[in-house]
Amino acid sequence: MTGLAAGSSDVLQHLLLDLVLKAVIVLVALGVLALGMRAIWRRTPRPPRPPRR
């Protein structure tokens, strides 16, 4: 490709790569958040449950 068509292809490739990288960053951040919430949940003391009838 030459001219404008080659430039738009490069821009599209750059935008797709940017989208993939951002999606990976968000997924990693959600994983870290889930691990942190799990650790807090396990360490937090909870009151005893009332007896069942």
PDB file of N, CA and C in Angstrom:
ATOM      1  N   MET A   1       0.834  -1.178   0.000  1.00  0.00           N
ATOM      2  CA  MET A   1       0.000   0.000   0.000  1.00  0.00           C
ATOM      3  C   MET A   1       0.877   1.239   0.000  1.00  0.00           C
ATOM      4  N   THR A   2       0.368   2.233  -0.609  1.00  0.00           N
ATOM      5  CA  THR A   2       1.119   3.479  -0.651  1.00  0.00           C
ATOM      6  C   THR A   2       0.216   4.631  -0.239  1.00  0.00           C
ATOM      7  N   GLY A   3       0.828   5.654   0.214  1.00  0.00           N
ATOM      8  CA  GLY A   3       0.096   6.882   0.501  1.00  0.00           C
ATOM      9  C   GLY A   3      -0.810   6.786   1.712  1.00  0.00           C
ATOM     10  N   LEU A   4      -2.023   7.278   1.550  1.00  0.00           N
ATOM     11  CA  LEU A   4      -2.974   7.396   2.651  1.00  0.00           C
ATOM     12  C   LEU A   4      -3.419   6.038   3.183  1.00  0.00           C
ATOM     13  N   ALA A   5      -3.569   5.064   2.318  1.00  0.00           N
ATOM     14  CA  ALA A   5      -4.030   3.743   2.750  1.00  0.00           C
ATOM     15  C   ALA A   5      -3.018   3.090   3.697  1.00  0.00           C
ATOM     16  N   ALA A   6      -1.743   3.235   3.421  1.00  0.00           N
ATOM     17  CA  ALA A   6      -0.718   2.655   4.292  1.00  0.00           C
ATOM     18  C   ALA A   6      -0.714   3.361   5.644  1.00  0.00           C
ATOM     19  N   GLY A   7      -0.910   4.644   5.659  1.00  0.00           N
ATOM     20  CA  GLY A   7      -0.938   5.395   6.907  1.00  0.00           C
ATOM     21  C   GLY A   7      -2.120   5.009   7.773  1.00  0.00           C
ATOM     22  N   SER A   8      -3.283   4.824   7.164  1.00  0.00           N
ATOM     23  CA  SER A   8      -4.460   4.450   7.951  1.00  0.00           C
ATOM     24  C   SER A   8      -4.323   3.043   8.507  1.00  0.00           C
ATOM     25  N   SER A   9      -3.644   2.159   7.778  1.00  0.00           N
ATOM     26  CA  SER A   9      -3.414   0.803   8.273  1.00  0.00           C
ATOM     27  C   SER A   9      -2.509   0.830   9.500  1.00  0.00           C
ATOM     28  N   ASP A  10      -1.495   1.676   9.456  1.00  0.00           N
ATOM     29  CA  ASP A  10      -0.596   1.805  10.606  1.00  0.00           C
ATOM     30  C   ASP A  10      -1.335   2.376  11.819  1.00  0.00           C
ATOM     31  N   VAL A  11      -2.199   3.336  11.580  1.00  0.00           N
ATOM     32  CA  VAL A  11      -2.962   3.931  12.674  1.00  0.00           C
ATOM     33  C   VAL A  11      -3.903   2.894  13.276  1.00  0.00           C
ATOM     34  N   LEU A  12      -4.562   2.113  12.431  1.00  0.00           N
ATOM     35  CA  LEU A  12      -5.475   1.084  12.915  1.00  0.00           C
ATOM     36  C   LEU A  12      -4.726   0.040  13.740  1.00  0.00           C
ATOM     37  N   GLN A  13      -3.564  -0.362  13.269  1.00  0.00           N
ATOM     38  CA  GLN A  13      -2.757  -1.331  14.009  1.00  0.00           C
ATOM     39  C   GLN A  13      -2.343  -0.753  15.369  1.00  0.00           C
ATOM     40  N   HIS A  14      -1.958   0.500  15.377  1.00  0.00           N
ATOM     41  CA  HIS A  14      -1.562   1.155  16.630  1.00  0.00           C
ATOM     42  C   HIS A  14      -2.743   1.234  17.600  1.00  0.00           C
ATOM     43  N   LEU A  15      -3.927   1.566  17.102  1.00  0.00           N
ATOM     44  CA  LEU A  15      -5.104   1.659  17.960  1.00  0.00           C
ATOM     45  C   LEU A  15      -5.497   0.298  18.525  1.00  0.00           C
ATOM     46  N   LEU A  16      -5.413  -0.745  17.718  1.00  0.00           N
ATOM     47  CA  LEU A  16      -5.737  -2.086  18.202  1.00  0.00           C
ATOM     48  C   LEU A  16      -4.748  -2.542  19.269  1.00  0.00           C
ATOM     49  N   LEU A  17      -3.463  -2.271  19.050  1.00  0.00           N
ATOM     50  CA  LEU A  17      -2.454  -2.622  20.041  1.00  0.00           C
ATOM     51  C   LEU A  17      -2.697  -1.858  21.342  1.00  0.00           C
ATOM     52  N   ASP A  18      -3.043  -0.592  21.234  1.00  0.00           N
ATOM     53  CA  ASP A  18      -3.339   0.223  22.407  1.00  0.00           C
ATOM     54  C   ASP A  18      -4.536  -0.339  23.170  1.00  0.00           C
ATOM     55  N   LEU A  19      -5.572  -0.748  22.451  1.00  0.00           N
ATOM     56  CA  LEU A  19      -6.758  -1.324  23.075  1.00  0.00           C
ATOM     57  C   LEU A  19      -6.425  -2.621  23.805  1.00  0.00           C
ATOM     58  N   VAL A  20      -5.628  -3.469  23.192  1.00  0.00           N
ATOM     59  CA  VAL A  20      -5.246  -4.736  23.816  1.00  0.00           C
ATOM     60  C   VAL A  20      -4.426  -4.483  25.075  1.00  0.00           C
ATOM     61  N   LEU A  21      -3.479  -3.568  25.010  1.00  0.00           N
ATOM     62  CA  LEU A  21      -2.658  -3.265  26.180  1.00  0.00           C
ATOM     63  C   LEU A  21      -3.498  -2.715  27.333  1.00  0.00           C
ATOM     64  N   LYS A  22      -4.434  -1.848  27.029  1.00  0.00           N
ATOM     65  CA  LYS A  22      -5.293  -1.297  28.077  1.00  0.00           C
ATOM     66  C   LYS A  22      -6.181  -2.380  28.682  1.00  0.00           C
ATOM     67  N   ALA A  23      -6.677  -3.285  27.858  1.00  0.00           N
ATOM     68  CA  ALA A  23      -7.504  -4.382  28.370  1.00  0.00           C
ATOM     69  C   ALA A  23      -6.693  -5.278  29.300  1.00  0.00           C
ATOM     70  N   VAL A  24      -5.441  -5.554  28.942  1.00  0.00           N
ATOM     71  CA  VAL A  24      -4.579  -6.378  29.794  1.00  0.00           C
ATOM     72  C   VAL A  24      -4.321  -5.670  31.119  1.00  0.00           C
ATOM     73  N   ILE A  25      -4.075  -4.377  31.080  1.00  0.00           N
ATOM     74  CA  ILE A  25      -3.833  -3.613  32.307  1.00  0.00           C
ATOM     75  C   ILE A  25      -5.060  -3.670  33.218  1.00  0.00           C
ATOM     76  N   VAL A  26      -6.244  -3.518  32.650  1.00  0.00           N
ATOM     77  CA  VAL A  26      -7.474  -3.562  33.448  1.00  0.00           C
ATOM     78  C   VAL A  26      -7.670  -4.946  34.054  1.00  0.00           C
ATOM     79  N   LEU A  27      -7.432  -6.002  33.286  1.00  0.00           N
ATOM     80  CA  LEU A  27      -7.595  -7.361  33.804  1.00  0.00           C
ATOM     81  C   LEU A  27      -6.612  -7.653  34.933  1.00  0.00           C
ATOM     82  N   VAL A  28      -5.373  -7.211  34.782  1.00  0.00           N
ATOM     83  CA  VAL A  28      -4.382  -7.408  35.845  1.00  0.00           C
ATOM     84  C   VAL A  28      -4.794  -6.630  37.095  1.00  0.00           C
ATOM     85  N   ALA A  29      -5.266  -5.410  36.920  1.00  0.00           N
ATOM     86  CA  ALA A  29      -5.701  -4.607  38.065  1.00  0.00           C
ATOM     87  C   ALA A  29      -6.883  -5.260  38.778  1.00  0.00           C
ATOM     88  N   LEU A  30      -7.822  -5.829  38.027  1.00  0.00           N
ATOM     89  CA  LEU A  30      -8.948  -6.521  38.649  1.00  0.00           C
ATOM     90  C   LEU A  30      -8.485  -7.757  39.412  1.00  0.00           C
ATOM     91  N   GLY A  31      -7.502  -8.462  38.883  1.00  0.00           N
ATOM     92  CA  GLY A  31      -6.950  -9.624  39.580  1.00  0.00           C
ATOM     93  C   GLY A  31      -6.286  -9.231  40.886  1.00  0.00           C
ATOM     94  N   VAL A  32      -5.518  -8.154  40.867  1.00  0.00           N
ATOM     95  CA  VAL A  32      -4.862  -7.675  42.087  1.00  0.00           C
ATOM     96  C   VAL A  32      -5.911  -7.226  43.104  1.00  0.00           C
ATOM     97  N   LEU A  33      -6.942  -6.551  42.641  1.00  0.00           N
ATOM     98  CA  LEU A  33      -8.021  -6.123  43.528  1.00  0.00           C
ATOM     99  C   LEU A  33      -8.713  -7.325  44.166  1.00  0.00           C
ATOM    100  N   ALA A  34      -8.985  -8.357  43.377  1.00  0.00           N
ATOM    101  CA  ALA A  34      -9.632  -9.559  43.908  1.00  0.00           C
ATOM    102  C   ALA A  34      -8.754 -10.240  44.951  1.00  0.00           C
ATOM    103  N   LEU A  35      -7.461 -10.320  44.708  1.00  0.00           N
ATOM    104  CA  LEU A  35      -6.558 -10.928  45.688  1.00  0.00           C
ATOM    105  C   LEU A  35      -6.512 -10.115  46.979  1.00  0.00           C
ATOM    106  N   GLY A  36      -6.493  -8.806  46.858  1.00  0.00           N
ATOM    107  CA  GLY A  36      -6.491  -7.955  48.040  1.00  0.00           C
ATOM    108  C   GLY A  36      -7.774  -8.089  48.844  1.00  0.00           C
ATOM    109  N   MET A  37      -8.912  -8.130  48.159  1.00  0.00           N
ATOM    110  CA  MET A  37     -10.186  -8.294  48.857  1.00  0.00           C
ATOM    111  C   MET A  37     -10.258  -9.654  49.547  1.00  0.00           C
ATOM    112  N   ARG A  38      -9.729 -10.667  48.903  1.00  0.00           N
ATOM    113  CA  ARG A  38      -9.724 -12.007  49.498  1.00  0.00           C
ATOM    114  C   ARG A  38      -8.853 -12.038  50.755  1.00  0.00           C
ATOM    115  N   ALA A  39      -7.699 -11.400  50.691  1.00  0.00           N
ATOM    116  CA  ALA A  39      -6.809 -11.367  51.855  1.00  0.00           C
ATOM    117  C   ALA A  39      -7.457 -10.614  53.010  1.00  0.00           C
ATOM    118  N   ILE A  40      -8.102  -9.499  52.726  1.00  0.00           N
ATOM    119  CA  ILE A  40      -8.773  -8.732  53.777  1.00  0.00           C
ATOM    120  C   ILE A  40      -9.925  -9.540  54.363  1.00  0.00           C
ATOM    121  N   TRP A  41     -10.690 -10.219  53.515  1.00  0.00           N
ATOM    122  CA  TRP A  41     -11.829 -11.009  53.979  1.00  0.00           C
ATOM    123  C   TRP A  41     -11.372 -12.111  54.933  1.00  0.00           C
ATOM    124  N   ARG A  42     -10.249 -12.735  54.634  1.00  0.00           N
ATOM    125  CA  ARG A  42      -9.759 -13.824  55.478  1.00  0.00           C
ATOM    126  C   ARG A  42      -9.215 -13.313  56.808  1.00  0.00           C
ATOM    127  N   ARG A  43      -8.643 -12.124  56.840  1.00  0.00           N
ATOM    128  CA  ARG A  43      -8.019 -11.605  58.060  1.00  0.00           C
ATOM    129  C   ARG A  43      -8.992 -10.853  58.961  1.00  0.00           C
ATOM    130  N   THR A  44     -10.135 -10.469  58.431  1.00  0.00           N
ATOM    131  CA  THR A  44     -11.086  -9.687  59.214  1.00  0.00           C
ATOM    132  C   THR A  44     -11.894 -10.605  60.127  1.00  0.00           C
ATOM    133  N   PRO A  45     -11.892 -10.313  61.437  1.00  0.00           N
ATOM    134  CA  PRO A  45     -12.716 -11.148  62.330  1.00  0.00           C
ATOM    135  C   PRO A  45     -14.196 -10.855  62.119  1.00  0.00           C
ATOM    136  N   ARG A  46     -14.988 -11.901  62.170  1.00  0.00           N
ATOM    137  CA  ARG A  46     -16.433 -11.764  62.011  1.00  0.00           C
ATOM    138  C   ARG A  46     -17.112 -12.216  63.304  1.00  0.00           C
ATOM    139  N   PRO A  47     -18.223 -11.593  63.643  1.00  0.00           N
ATOM    140  CA  PRO A  47     -18.924 -11.996  64.869  1.00  0.00           C
ATOM    141  C   PRO A  47     -19.469 -13.415  64.725  1.00  0.00           C
ATOM    142  N   PRO A  48     -19.622 -14.123  65.846  1.00  0.00           N
ATOM    143  CA  PRO A  48     -20.158 -15.482  65.758  1.00  0.00           C
ATOM    144  C   PRO A  48     -21.604 -15.472  65.275  1.00  0.00           C
ATOM    145  N   ARG A  49     -21.970 -16.526  64.585  1.00  0.00           N
ATOM    146  CA  ARG A  49     -23.333 -16.624  64.075  1.00  0.00           C
ATOM    147  C   ARG A  49     -24.288 -17.010  65.206  1.00  0.00           C
ATOM    148  N   PRO A  50     -25.510 -16.503  65.146  1.00  0.00           N
ATOM    149  CA  PRO A  50     -26.487 -16.919  66.160  1.00  0.00           C
ATOM    150  C   PRO A  50     -26.857 -18.390  65.944  1.00  0.00           C
ATOM    151  N   PRO A  51     -27.222 -19.085  67.014  1.00  0.00           N
ATOM    152  CA  PRO A  51     -27.565 -20.510  66.858  1.00  0.00           C
ATOM    153  C   PRO A  51     -28.816 -20.694  66.012  1.00  0.00           C
ATOM    154  N   ARG A  52     -28.848 -21.788  65.268  1.00  0.00           N
ATOM    155  CA  ARG A  52     -30.014 -22.105  64.441  1.00  0.00           C
ATOM    156  C   ARG A  52     -31.100 -22.741  65.292  1.00  0.00           C
ATOM    157  N   ARG A  53     -32.318 -22.561  64.874  1.00  0.00           N
ATOM    158  CA  ARG A  53     -33.441 -23.153  65.612  1.00  0.00           C
ATOM    159  C   ARG A  53     -33.891 -24.428  64.979  1.00  0.00           C
TER     160      ARG A  53
END
